Amino acid sequence: MIKDYSNTPGIFGIIQRNYKKYPNKMVVTIGKEHITYRELIDKGDRVAAALYDMGVRKGDRVGILIPNKINWYIFLYGILRLGAIVVPFDPQMAEHEIKHLFDKVGIRAVLVPTEFRGINHKKIIDGLRNLLPDLKKVIVDGEVEIDDFHSSFESLLASDKSSLEDMQLTMEKEDSNVFFCTTGSTGTPKIVDIPCRIIDDNISKNSERWGFKEGDRFLLSMPLYHAAGFGWGLSCLSAGGSIYYENYFSPSTFLELTQKEDISSLLITPTLAKIILTHPQFDEYDLSSLKSIIFTGEYLADELADKFVNEMNIRVINALGMTETFVYLDWDSTRDKGISPNKLGEIPEIEIKIVDSNGEECKIGEKGNIHIKNSVMKGYFRLKEVTDEVLDEEGWLNSGDLAVRTEDGRVEFVGREKRIIKRGGNLVAPEEIEQFLRTHSLCAGVIVDKEEDLIMGEKIIAYFQMAEGADISKEELRKFCKGRISAYKIPDEFYFLEEIPKTVGKANPTLLRKLREENKI
C-alpha cells in the first residue's frame, strides 16, 4: 500500500503534494541537470534506505556540504524521508569551521564533494574524526574507497528501497525540519532550529502573496545552502512552479538562463542586480518572460527599483527577513505604488512591534528594535542562554534590526544593531574572523571592521596587532586564512598596528576609521 504523505507538514509535505499532482513535472534545474518529482522520489527513497541502514533516524542531524547540483536535492529528500533534520553547509567551509559546526550540531552523516575550490573536505574530516564522535559516515559525491566510515553517493543510489515499506513517517508542526548556520554577534556561527510550521506558515503562504502560480519558473541567484536561496525556492515549488539554480553565479549565464528557460521570476540581491545591469551585452538579452523580481539581503535604492518597475515593467518585491524568521516585512510595487521600497508593510499573521532600549513600544517616528512573533525559530540549537537573550517567554524575537514606524503604519528599516558585514551575497560576523585570527601565534590583538565597496557592497578590513618583536606580512596572513576559513571571510585589507585603540577597555573601530582617514595607519 502506498502511503499518502501529502498532509505532512514541512518540506516533505510540499514535495509529496506536488508528486501526487504532477509526478512527471520538473522540480529543479541546476546548471545542465534537472529532475522530475518521480525521479526525485525514486532516487531519494534509495538514499533514505541507505541512510537508515547507516543508523540515521528521525531527529538525527544530517549535513549537506556539496555545492549546487541535483544530488543536493536528492540527498535532501532522503534525509526528509526519515524525519531526520537537514543541515545545509556552505561548501566553502574549511577545517576551523567544520570542527566547530560538526561538533556543535552533532552531525550523524554528511555528503561532501571530492574537492571544492581547492578544499578537500574528506581529508579534513578524516583528520578530525577522533574529535567528532557523533559522525558515523562520510558520503562522497564522487569516487572513494568504501569502508566503515566512507561511502559514495552512487552506492546509495544502488540501495534496495524495499526496507522503507514498513517505515511510517509521522511529522508534527513543531518538529525540527532544517537547521541553518548563521552569523552572530557571539563571534561564532549559531544553529537556527527551523520547525515545520515556519515552512508552512511563512514560506508556503508567501508564495500566494508574491504571486507564484503553477507553471512559474523561478531563478535564484543565492546558493542552496543559503536560507533564502533554498527556502524561497520552496515558495515557488509550493505553488506548483519549478526552480532553477546555477552551479556558480555568473552574470552571463544568469542572463542566458533567464532568456533560454523563459524564467518568470528572479531572486537577487541589489549588488548582483547592479552587476547584471552593467553587463556589456545586457540589452541584447530577451527578458520579456520576467514578471517579477524579489530583492533581499541589502538596502534597495529607490532608483534601482524604479529601473525595473518603470523602465522594464517588472513587478518588484523587496523582502526583509532573517534566518530566524524568514520574511517578516515586504514591499510590493503592485501594492505600494508611490512608496519607497524601504518602507515595508506587515505580512498577515506575523506580529511586529518596535521596541526601545527599555522594552517599551516606540512611538511613531522613534527608532527601536524590530520584534517579531509567530514566524519564529524554535531557538538556537544547544545555546539556551543565547536563545533566551533574543526570544522571550511570550514568543517575541528581537531581530536586531533597527526601524521606525511611519505615520501610515509602515516600517522603515534604518540599520542593524549587530556588526554584520554584508560582503556581496554573504553575511559575515566580524567576531568570527577576529576569533579565528587570534589563533595565529603572532597575534597580540585584532579587530575586524567593514568599509563600503562599489562592487561587493561592503568589504572586510582587519586591524592586526603583532606580538612584540614579531614580523609578518599581509600575504602571510592571507596564506594563514586560505583553506582554513571560507574564502569570502578572508579580509580584503589588512592593517598593522602597534596597539589597538580602546575606549573603556574595548577595541574602538571608530577610532581606527579616524586614524585611517588621517593617514596615520
Protein backbone atom coordinates (compact mmCIF):
# COMPACT_ATOMS: atom_id res chain seq x y z
CA MET A 1 0.00 0.00 0.00
CA ILE A 2 1.39 3.42 -0.98
CA LYS A 3 1.37 5.78 1.99
CA ASP A 4 -0.12 9.24 1.49
CA TYR A 5 2.17 11.89 2.97
CA SER A 6 0.57 14.84 1.21
CA ASN A 7 -0.72 16.26 4.52
CA THR A 8 2.67 16.01 6.22
CA PRO A 9 3.85 19.42 7.46
CA GLY A 10 7.10 20.98 6.33
CA ILE A 11 9.33 20.43 3.30
CA PHE A 12 8.44 16.76 2.87
CA GLY A 13 4.75 17.62 2.58
CA ILE A 14 5.40 20.19 -0.18
CA ILE A 15 7.26 17.60 -2.26
CA GLN A 16 4.67 14.88 -1.63
CA ARG A 17 1.72 17.10 -2.59
CA ASN A 18 3.40 18.08 -5.85
CA TYR A 19 4.33 14.47 -6.62
CA LYS A 20 0.70 13.49 -6.20
CA LYS A 21 -0.50 16.28 -8.55
CA TYR A 22 2.13 16.12 -11.29
CA PRO A 23 4.70 13.33 -10.89
CA ASN A 24 6.40 14.00 -14.22
CA LYS A 25 6.88 17.71 -13.66
CA MET A 26 10.39 19.13 -13.36
CA VAL A 27 11.27 20.05 -9.76
CA VAL A 28 14.64 21.72 -10.07
CA THR A 29 17.21 22.50 -12.75
CA ILE A 30 20.80 23.17 -11.70
CA GLY A 31 23.18 24.04 -14.47
CA LYS A 32 22.56 21.42 -17.15
CA GLU A 33 20.99 18.89 -14.74
CA HIS A 34 17.29 18.57 -13.93
CA ILE A 35 14.99 16.12 -12.16
CA THR A 36 11.25 15.36 -12.05
CA TYR A 37 9.23 14.53 -8.95
CA ARG A 38 9.03 10.86 -9.94
CA GLU A 39 12.82 10.64 -10.33
CA LEU A 40 13.44 12.62 -7.14
CA ILE A 41 11.31 10.33 -5.02
CA ASP A 42 12.67 7.12 -6.56
CA LYS A 43 16.30 8.13 -6.02
CA GLY A 44 15.57 9.87 -2.72
CA ASP A 45 13.93 6.73 -1.32
CA ARG A 46 17.07 4.75 -2.17
CA VAL A 47 19.18 7.33 -0.35
CA ALA A 48 16.79 7.16 2.62
CA ALA A 49 17.06 3.37 2.77
CA ALA A 50 20.87 3.59 2.74
CA LEU A 51 20.89 6.26 5.45
CA TYR A 52 18.54 4.12 7.54
CA ASP A 53 20.94 1.21 7.24
CA MET A 54 23.68 3.56 8.46
CA GLY A 55 21.65 4.19 11.60
CA VAL A 56 20.05 7.54 10.74
CA ARG A 57 16.70 8.03 12.47
CA LYS A 58 14.10 10.75 13.00
CA GLY A 59 15.66 13.78 14.67
CA ASP A 60 19.23 12.96 13.68
CA ARG A 61 21.19 15.75 12.01
CA VAL A 62 22.49 15.03 8.51
CA GLY A 63 24.69 17.52 6.67
CA ILE A 64 24.87 18.57 3.01
CA LEU A 65 28.21 20.14 2.14
CA ILE A 66 28.26 19.88 -1.64
CA PRO A 67 27.76 22.91 -3.93
CA ASN A 68 24.63 23.40 -6.06
CA LYS A 69 23.81 20.25 -8.03
CA ILE A 70 20.95 17.78 -8.42
CA ASN A 71 22.45 15.35 -5.91
CA TRP A 72 21.96 18.07 -3.28
CA TYR A 73 18.19 17.83 -3.75
CA ILE A 74 18.15 14.02 -3.93
CA PHE A 75 20.08 13.79 -0.67
CA LEU A 76 17.73 16.38 0.86
CA TYR A 77 14.74 14.19 0.08
CA GLY A 78 16.46 11.11 1.52
CA ILE A 79 17.01 12.93 4.82
CA LEU A 80 13.42 14.18 4.95
CA ARG A 81 12.00 10.72 4.22
CA LEU A 82 13.39 9.53 7.56
CA GLY A 83 12.25 12.56 9.53
CA ALA A 84 15.89 13.49 10.08
CA ILE A 85 16.97 17.14 10.17
CA VAL A 86 18.57 18.69 7.08
CA VAL A 87 21.69 20.76 7.83
CA PRO A 88 22.90 22.68 4.75
CA PHE A 89 26.53 23.82 4.99
CA ASP A 90 28.48 26.34 2.95
CA PRO A 91 30.81 24.24 0.73
CA GLN A 92 33.47 26.93 1.21
CA MET A 93 33.82 25.79 4.84
CA ALA A 94 37.31 24.73 5.83
CA GLU A 95 38.89 22.99 8.83
CA HIS A 96 38.25 25.61 11.52
CA GLU A 97 34.54 25.89 10.71
CA ILE A 98 33.97 22.16 10.13
CA LYS A 99 35.39 21.24 13.52
CA HIS A 100 33.25 23.78 15.34
CA LEU A 101 29.96 23.28 13.48
CA PHE A 102 30.00 19.48 13.15
CA ASP A 103 30.70 19.15 16.86
CA LYS A 104 28.07 21.73 17.87
CA VAL A 105 25.34 20.21 15.68
CA GLY A 106 26.23 16.58 16.31
CA ILE A 107 26.28 15.64 12.64
CA ARG A 108 25.46 11.95 12.13
CA ALA A 109 26.29 11.72 8.41
CA VAL A 110 27.37 14.20 5.75
CA LEU A 111 27.57 14.45 1.96
CA VAL A 112 30.80 16.10 0.77
CA PRO A 113 32.32 16.87 -2.66
CA THR A 114 35.53 15.23 -3.82
CA GLU A 115 37.02 18.73 -3.79
CA PHE A 116 35.68 22.27 -3.88
CA ARG A 117 37.76 25.34 -4.64
CA GLY A 118 40.91 23.61 -3.50
CA ILE A 119 39.36 22.30 -0.28
CA ASN A 120 39.46 18.53 0.28
CA HIS A 121 36.63 18.07 2.78
CA LYS A 122 37.07 14.30 3.08
CA LYS A 123 40.71 14.72 4.06
CA ILE A 124 39.85 17.44 6.58
CA ILE A 125 37.08 15.36 8.17
CA ASP A 126 39.27 12.25 8.26
CA GLY A 127 41.81 14.28 10.23
CA LEU A 128 39.11 15.42 12.66
CA ARG A 129 37.44 12.01 13.02
CA ASN A 130 38.52 11.39 16.62
CA LEU A 131 37.18 14.83 17.60
CA LEU A 132 33.72 14.21 16.09
CA PRO A 133 32.22 11.25 17.99
CA ASP A 134 28.70 11.76 16.58
CA LEU A 135 29.82 11.46 12.95
CA LYS A 136 29.38 7.90 11.68
CA LYS A 137 29.53 8.23 7.90
CA VAL A 138 31.07 10.50 5.27
CA ILE A 139 29.40 10.15 1.87
CA VAL A 140 31.48 11.41 -1.03
CA ASP A 141 29.84 12.80 -4.16
CA GLY A 142 32.38 11.10 -6.39
CA GLU A 143 34.84 8.24 -6.32
CA VAL A 144 36.03 6.99 -2.93
CA GLU A 145 37.24 3.75 -1.41
CA ILE A 146 34.24 2.43 0.54
CA ASP A 147 34.83 1.30 4.12
CA ASP A 148 33.10 1.50 7.52
CA PHE A 149 33.41 5.31 7.55
CA HIS A 150 33.18 6.24 3.86
CA SER A 151 30.52 5.64 1.20
CA SER A 152 29.94 7.03 -2.27
CA PHE A 153 26.74 8.76 -3.30
CA GLU A 154 26.45 6.35 -6.23
CA SER A 155 26.43 3.40 -3.83
CA LEU A 156 23.48 4.98 -2.02
CA LEU A 157 21.53 5.18 -5.28
CA ALA A 158 22.04 1.46 -5.75
CA SER A 159 20.34 0.66 -2.42
CA ASP A 160 17.24 -1.51 -2.13
CA LYS A 161 14.41 0.78 -1.06
CA SER A 162 12.10 -2.04 -0.01
CA SER A 163 13.23 -1.53 3.60
CA LEU A 164 11.15 1.68 3.63
CA GLU A 165 7.88 -0.17 3.01
CA ASP A 166 7.22 -0.79 6.69
CA MET A 167 8.56 2.58 7.81
CA GLN A 168 5.81 5.02 8.78
CA LEU A 169 6.85 8.68 8.99
CA THR A 170 4.97 11.00 11.32
CA MET A 171 5.88 14.68 11.49
CA GLU A 172 4.33 17.37 13.66
CA LYS A 173 4.37 21.13 13.02
CA GLU A 174 6.81 21.73 15.90
CA ASP A 175 9.24 19.02 14.74
CA SER A 176 12.59 20.40 13.61
CA ASN A 177 12.79 20.38 9.81
CA VAL A 178 16.04 22.13 8.91
CA PHE A 179 18.99 23.70 10.73
CA PHE A 180 20.64 26.75 9.18
CA CYS A 181 24.04 28.05 10.22
CA THR A 182 24.02 31.79 10.64
CA THR A 183 26.48 34.50 11.62
CA GLY A 184 26.10 36.02 15.03
CA SER A 185 27.36 38.63 17.46
CA THR A 186 28.79 35.95 19.73
CA GLY A 187 31.72 35.54 17.33
CA THR A 188 30.83 32.02 16.22
CA PRO A 189 28.01 30.79 13.95
CA LYS A 190 24.74 29.84 15.59
CA ILE A 191 22.48 26.96 14.54
CA VAL A 192 18.94 28.12 13.81
CA ASP A 193 16.32 25.44 14.50
CA ILE A 194 13.52 25.83 11.93
CA PRO A 195 10.38 23.76 12.64
CA CYS A 196 7.88 22.53 10.06
CA ARG A 197 5.41 25.29 10.98
CA ILE A 198 7.67 28.03 9.56
CA ILE A 199 7.83 26.18 6.25
CA ASP A 200 4.04 26.04 6.12
CA ASP A 201 3.11 29.36 7.75
CA ASN A 202 5.72 31.58 6.12
CA ILE A 203 7.38 30.05 3.07
CA SER A 204 4.25 28.42 1.61
CA LYS A 205 1.91 31.32 2.41
CA ASN A 206 4.27 33.88 0.89
CA SER A 207 4.04 32.06 -2.43
CA GLU A 208 0.50 33.37 -2.84
CA ARG A 209 1.39 36.84 -1.54
CA TRP A 210 4.21 37.13 -4.08
CA GLY A 211 2.08 35.86 -6.93
CA PHE A 212 3.68 32.47 -7.61
CA LYS A 213 1.50 30.18 -9.74
CA GLU A 214 1.59 26.72 -11.22
CA GLY A 215 3.96 26.72 -14.15
CA ASP A 216 6.15 29.58 -12.91
CA ARG A 217 9.92 29.31 -13.37
CA PHE A 218 11.94 30.85 -10.56
CA LEU A 219 15.69 31.50 -10.93
CA LEU A 220 17.53 32.08 -7.66
CA SER A 221 20.95 33.72 -7.52
CA MET A 222 21.62 32.53 -3.98
CA PRO A 223 23.09 29.05 -3.36
CA LEU A 224 21.13 26.15 -1.94
CA TYR A 225 22.87 26.21 1.44
CA HIS A 226 21.59 29.78 1.94
CA ALA A 227 18.34 30.08 3.90
CA ALA A 228 16.80 32.42 1.30
CA GLY A 229 18.19 30.52 -1.69
CA PHE A 230 16.75 27.23 -0.50
CA GLY A 231 13.72 28.42 1.46
CA TRP A 232 12.33 30.82 -1.13
CA GLY A 233 12.76 28.21 -3.81
CA LEU A 234 10.24 26.23 -1.78
CA SER A 235 7.80 29.15 -2.05
CA CYS A 236 7.65 28.69 -5.80
CA LEU A 237 7.52 24.88 -5.54
CA SER A 238 4.60 25.06 -3.10
CA ALA A 239 2.57 26.91 -5.75
CA GLY A 240 3.36 24.28 -8.39
CA GLY A 241 6.26 26.07 -10.07
CA SER A 242 9.78 24.91 -10.87
CA ILE A 243 13.07 26.30 -9.59
CA TYR A 244 16.40 26.99 -11.26
CA TYR A 245 19.92 27.50 -9.93
CA GLU A 246 23.33 27.95 -11.44
CA ASN A 247 26.24 25.78 -10.30
CA TYR A 248 28.10 29.04 -9.62
CA PHE A 249 26.82 32.57 -10.13
CA SER A 250 27.88 34.19 -13.39
CA PRO A 251 26.13 37.28 -14.79
CA SER A 252 26.40 35.97 -18.36
CA THR A 253 24.96 32.53 -17.66
CA PHE A 254 22.33 34.08 -15.36
CA LEU A 255 21.06 36.22 -18.24
CA GLU A 256 21.35 33.36 -20.73
CA LEU A 257 19.35 31.05 -18.47
CA THR A 258 16.65 33.70 -17.94
CA GLN A 259 16.26 34.04 -21.70
CA LYS A 260 16.58 30.36 -22.64
CA GLU A 261 14.21 28.97 -19.98
CA ASP A 262 11.62 31.77 -20.09
CA ILE A 263 12.21 32.50 -16.41
CA SER A 264 9.23 34.27 -14.84
CA SER A 265 10.75 35.38 -11.52
CA LEU A 266 14.19 36.13 -10.07
CA LEU A 267 15.59 36.20 -6.53
CA ILE A 268 18.58 38.51 -6.37
CA THR A 269 20.45 40.98 -4.17
CA PRO A 270 20.79 44.65 -5.17
CA THR A 271 24.56 44.15 -5.57
CA LEU A 272 24.10 41.33 -8.06
CA ALA A 273 21.40 43.30 -9.87
CA LYS A 274 23.87 46.16 -10.39
CA ILE A 275 26.44 43.72 -11.76
CA ILE A 276 23.88 42.27 -14.19
CA LEU A 277 22.62 45.68 -15.33
CA THR A 278 26.16 46.78 -16.19
CA HIS A 279 26.84 43.64 -18.25
CA PRO A 280 28.12 44.85 -21.65
CA GLN A 281 25.54 42.75 -23.54
CA PHE A 282 22.61 43.31 -21.16
CA ASP A 283 20.42 44.97 -23.80
CA GLU A 284 20.92 42.06 -26.20
CA TYR A 285 19.09 39.54 -23.97
CA ASP A 286 15.37 38.91 -24.30
CA LEU A 287 13.99 39.17 -20.76
CA SER A 288 10.36 39.56 -21.76
CA SER A 289 9.34 36.42 -19.80
CA LEU A 290 10.17 38.13 -16.48
CA LYS A 291 7.12 39.03 -14.40
CA SER A 292 8.72 39.73 -11.04
CA ILE A 293 11.99 40.22 -9.19
CA ILE A 294 12.35 39.61 -5.47
CA PHE A 295 15.13 41.58 -3.78
CA THR A 296 16.62 40.68 -0.42
CA GLY A 297 19.76 40.87 1.67
CA GLU A 298 20.65 44.54 1.21
CA TYR A 299 19.25 48.06 1.07
CA LEU A 300 17.22 48.52 -2.13
CA ALA A 301 17.67 52.01 -3.57
CA ASP A 302 14.57 53.70 -4.99
CA GLU A 303 16.43 54.26 -8.27
CA LEU A 304 17.20 50.57 -8.70
CA ALA A 305 13.61 49.56 -8.02
CA ASP A 306 12.38 52.22 -10.46
CA LYS A 307 14.69 50.85 -13.16
CA PHE A 308 12.83 47.53 -13.18
CA VAL A 309 9.34 48.79 -12.40
CA ASN A 310 9.10 51.82 -14.69
CA GLU A 311 11.60 51.07 -17.45
CA MET A 312 11.13 47.29 -17.75
CA ASN A 313 7.56 46.92 -16.41
CA ILE A 314 8.58 44.19 -13.95
CA ARG A 315 6.94 43.73 -10.56
CA VAL A 316 9.47 44.30 -7.76
CA ILE A 317 9.23 42.87 -4.26
CA ASN A 318 11.61 43.94 -1.50
CA ALA A 319 11.65 41.36 1.28
CA LEU A 320 13.13 41.87 4.73
CA GLY A 321 13.84 38.79 6.76
CA MET A 322 16.38 36.82 8.72
CA THR A 323 17.26 33.15 9.04
CA GLU A 324 15.48 33.01 12.40
CA THR A 325 12.14 34.16 10.94
CA PHE A 326 12.35 34.09 7.14
CA VAL A 327 10.43 37.04 5.63
CA TYR A 328 8.60 39.27 8.12
CA LEU A 329 8.14 42.53 6.15
CA ASP A 330 7.86 43.26 2.45
CA TRP A 331 7.22 45.94 -0.16
CA ASP A 332 5.46 45.21 -3.44
CA SER A 333 5.49 47.62 -6.40
CA THR A 334 1.99 46.49 -7.44
CA ARG A 335 0.58 47.14 -3.98
CA ASP A 336 2.74 50.01 -2.71
CA LYS A 337 2.88 52.47 -5.59
CA GLY A 338 4.40 55.83 -4.74
CA ILE A 339 6.03 54.49 -1.56
CA SER A 340 9.78 53.93 -1.10
CA PRO A 341 10.77 50.24 -1.28
CA ASN A 342 12.38 50.67 2.15
CA LYS A 343 9.08 51.49 3.83
CA LEU A 344 7.75 47.99 4.24
CA GLY A 345 4.37 46.52 5.07
CA GLU A 346 3.45 43.85 7.58
CA ILE A 347 2.63 40.31 6.47
CA PRO A 348 -0.71 38.87 7.68
CA GLU A 349 -0.46 36.63 10.76
CA ILE A 350 3.07 37.84 11.59
CA GLU A 351 3.06 40.30 14.51
CA ILE A 352 5.56 43.19 14.53
CA LYS A 353 6.40 45.77 17.17
CA ILE A 354 9.24 48.29 17.50
CA VAL A 355 10.74 48.41 20.98
CA ASP A 356 13.11 50.88 22.68
CA SER A 357 16.04 50.06 24.99
CA ASN A 358 13.68 49.98 27.99
CA GLY A 359 11.44 47.37 26.42
CA GLU A 360 8.67 49.87 25.73
CA GLU A 361 6.95 50.07 22.36
CA CYS A 362 8.21 53.06 20.39
CA LYS A 363 6.03 55.95 19.31
CA ILE A 364 5.61 56.92 15.65
CA GLY A 365 8.98 58.10 14.28
CA GLU A 366 11.06 56.75 17.19
CA LYS A 367 13.88 54.34 16.36
CA GLY A 368 13.94 50.94 18.02
CA ASN A 369 14.45 47.23 17.56
CA ILE A 370 12.02 45.21 15.46
CA HIS A 371 10.44 42.39 17.46
CA ILE A 372 8.63 39.56 15.68
CA LYS A 373 6.08 36.97 16.79
CA ASN A 374 4.59 33.83 15.18
CA SER A 375 7.01 33.10 12.31
CA VAL A 376 9.90 32.47 14.70
CA MET A 377 12.54 29.74 15.10
CA LYS A 378 12.40 27.21 17.93
CA GLY A 379 15.73 28.58 19.11
CA TYR A 380 19.48 28.32 18.65
CA PHE A 381 20.43 24.66 18.92
CA ARG A 382 22.26 23.86 22.17
CA LEU A 383 22.51 27.57 23.01
CA LYS A 384 19.70 28.18 25.50
CA GLU A 385 21.26 31.26 27.08
CA VAL A 386 21.81 32.89 23.68
CA THR A 387 18.25 31.95 22.66
CA ASP A 388 16.84 33.50 25.84
CA GLU A 389 18.65 36.76 25.00
CA VAL A 390 16.61 37.23 21.81
CA LEU A 391 13.44 35.15 22.32
CA ASP A 392 11.17 35.88 25.28
CA GLU A 393 8.62 33.67 27.02
CA GLU A 394 5.74 35.18 25.03
CA GLY A 395 7.40 34.21 21.73
CA TRP A 396 8.69 37.67 20.72
CA LEU A 397 12.04 37.61 18.93
CA ASN A 398 14.36 40.62 18.95
CA SER A 399 15.61 40.79 15.36
CA GLY A 400 18.49 43.18 15.97
CA ASP A 401 17.12 45.22 13.05
CA LEU A 402 16.53 48.92 13.74
CA ALA A 403 13.46 50.65 12.32
CA VAL A 404 10.89 53.40 12.81
CA ARG A 405 7.12 53.20 12.46
CA THR A 406 5.87 55.74 9.92
CA GLU A 407 2.68 57.82 10.17
CA ASP A 408 0.89 55.49 7.74
CA GLY A 409 1.78 52.42 9.83
CA ARG A 410 4.61 51.11 7.69
CA VAL A 411 8.02 50.02 8.98
CA GLU A 412 11.12 51.81 7.70
CA PHE A 413 14.33 49.82 8.13
CA VAL A 414 17.21 52.08 9.29
CA GLY A 415 20.08 49.71 10.07
CA ARG A 416 21.30 46.72 12.01
CA GLU A 417 22.20 46.66 15.65
CA LYS A 418 24.74 43.92 15.02
CA ARG A 419 28.10 44.39 13.31
CA ILE A 420 27.27 42.10 10.43
CA ILE A 421 29.29 42.72 7.25
CA LYS A 422 27.34 42.23 4.02
CA ARG A 423 30.01 41.26 1.53
CA GLY A 424 28.32 40.55 -1.79
CA GLY A 425 25.62 37.96 -1.11
CA ASN A 426 27.30 36.70 2.09
CA LEU A 427 26.75 37.77 5.69
CA VAL A 428 29.94 37.79 7.75
CA ALA A 429 30.29 38.23 11.52
CA PRO A 430 33.41 40.30 12.32
CA GLU A 431 33.68 38.50 15.65
CA GLU A 432 34.06 35.14 13.90
CA ILE A 433 37.04 36.37 11.86
CA GLU A 434 38.55 38.02 14.93
CA GLN A 435 38.26 34.80 16.86
CA PHE A 436 40.00 32.89 14.09
CA LEU A 437 42.84 35.40 13.59
CA ARG A 438 43.55 35.30 17.33
CA THR A 439 44.63 31.69 16.87
CA HIS A 440 47.71 32.93 14.98
CA SER A 441 50.78 32.63 17.20
CA LEU A 442 51.94 36.17 16.32
CA CYS A 443 48.62 37.87 17.10
CA ALA A 444 48.52 40.18 20.10
CA GLY A 445 45.14 41.64 19.18
CA VAL A 446 42.79 42.08 16.24
CA ILE A 447 39.66 43.96 15.32
CA VAL A 448 37.63 43.46 12.13
CA ASP A 449 35.58 46.24 10.60
CA LYS A 450 33.85 46.98 7.31
CA GLU A 451 34.02 49.58 4.59
CA GLU A 452 31.69 50.45 1.73
CA ASP A 453 32.63 48.96 -1.63
CA LEU A 454 31.06 49.75 -5.02
CA ILE A 455 31.06 46.13 -6.19
CA MET A 456 30.75 43.98 -3.06
CA GLY A 457 28.59 46.39 -1.07
CA GLU A 458 30.96 46.12 1.91
CA LYS A 459 34.48 44.78 2.24
CA ILE A 460 36.28 43.31 5.23
CA ILE A 461 39.03 45.30 6.96
CA ALA A 462 41.27 43.63 9.58
CA TYR A 463 43.44 45.61 12.01
CA PHE A 464 46.16 43.28 13.29
CA GLN A 465 48.38 43.91 16.29
CA MET A 466 51.50 41.74 16.18
CA ALA A 467 53.11 40.25 19.26
CA GLU A 468 56.12 42.18 20.49
CA GLY A 469 59.16 41.56 18.29
CA ALA A 470 57.12 39.65 15.69
CA ASP A 471 57.20 40.24 11.97
CA ILE A 472 54.57 39.05 9.48
CA SER A 473 53.39 40.24 6.09
CA LYS A 474 49.89 40.74 4.75
CA GLU A 475 50.46 37.93 2.28
CA GLU A 476 51.46 35.55 5.07
CA LEU A 477 48.25 36.39 6.91
CA ARG A 478 46.19 35.70 3.78
CA LYS A 479 48.00 32.38 3.38
CA PHE A 480 47.20 31.57 7.03
CA CYS A 481 43.49 32.16 6.32
CA LYS A 482 43.33 30.33 2.98
CA GLY A 483 41.77 26.89 3.29
CA ARG A 484 41.00 27.37 6.99
CA ILE A 485 38.08 29.79 6.75
CA SER A 486 35.67 30.41 3.87
CA ALA A 487 37.25 32.40 1.04
CA TYR A 488 34.68 35.21 1.33
CA LYS A 489 35.58 35.68 5.01
CA ILE A 490 39.26 36.39 4.31
CA PRO A 491 39.82 40.12 4.92
CA ASP A 492 40.11 42.25 1.80
CA GLU A 493 42.62 44.51 3.52
CA PHE A 494 45.00 44.11 6.47
CA TYR A 495 46.42 46.99 8.52
CA PHE A 496 49.14 46.54 11.12
CA LEU A 497 49.05 48.41 14.43
CA GLU A 498 51.45 48.73 17.32
CA GLU A 499 48.42 48.84 19.59
CA ILE A 500 44.68 48.65 19.00
CA PRO A 501 42.97 51.78 20.37
CA LYS A 502 40.41 51.13 23.08
CA THR A 503 37.64 53.01 24.85
CA VAL A 504 36.64 51.88 28.34
CA GLY A 505 38.69 48.73 27.80
CA LYS A 506 37.02 47.82 24.49
CA ALA A 507 38.51 47.98 21.00
CA ASN A 508 37.13 51.01 19.19
CA PRO A 509 36.59 50.68 15.42
CA THR A 510 35.51 54.34 15.20
CA LEU A 511 38.96 55.47 16.30
CA LEU A 512 40.54 53.13 13.77
CA ARG A 513 38.48 54.61 10.94
CA LYS A 514 39.53 58.08 12.03
CA LEU A 515 43.21 57.08 12.07
CA ARG A 516 42.88 55.74 8.54
CA GLU A 517 41.17 58.91 7.32
CA GLU A 518 44.09 60.89 8.76
CA ASN A 519 46.57 58.52 7.06
CA LYS A 520 48.07 57.58 10.43
CA ILE A 521 47.87 53.84 9.70
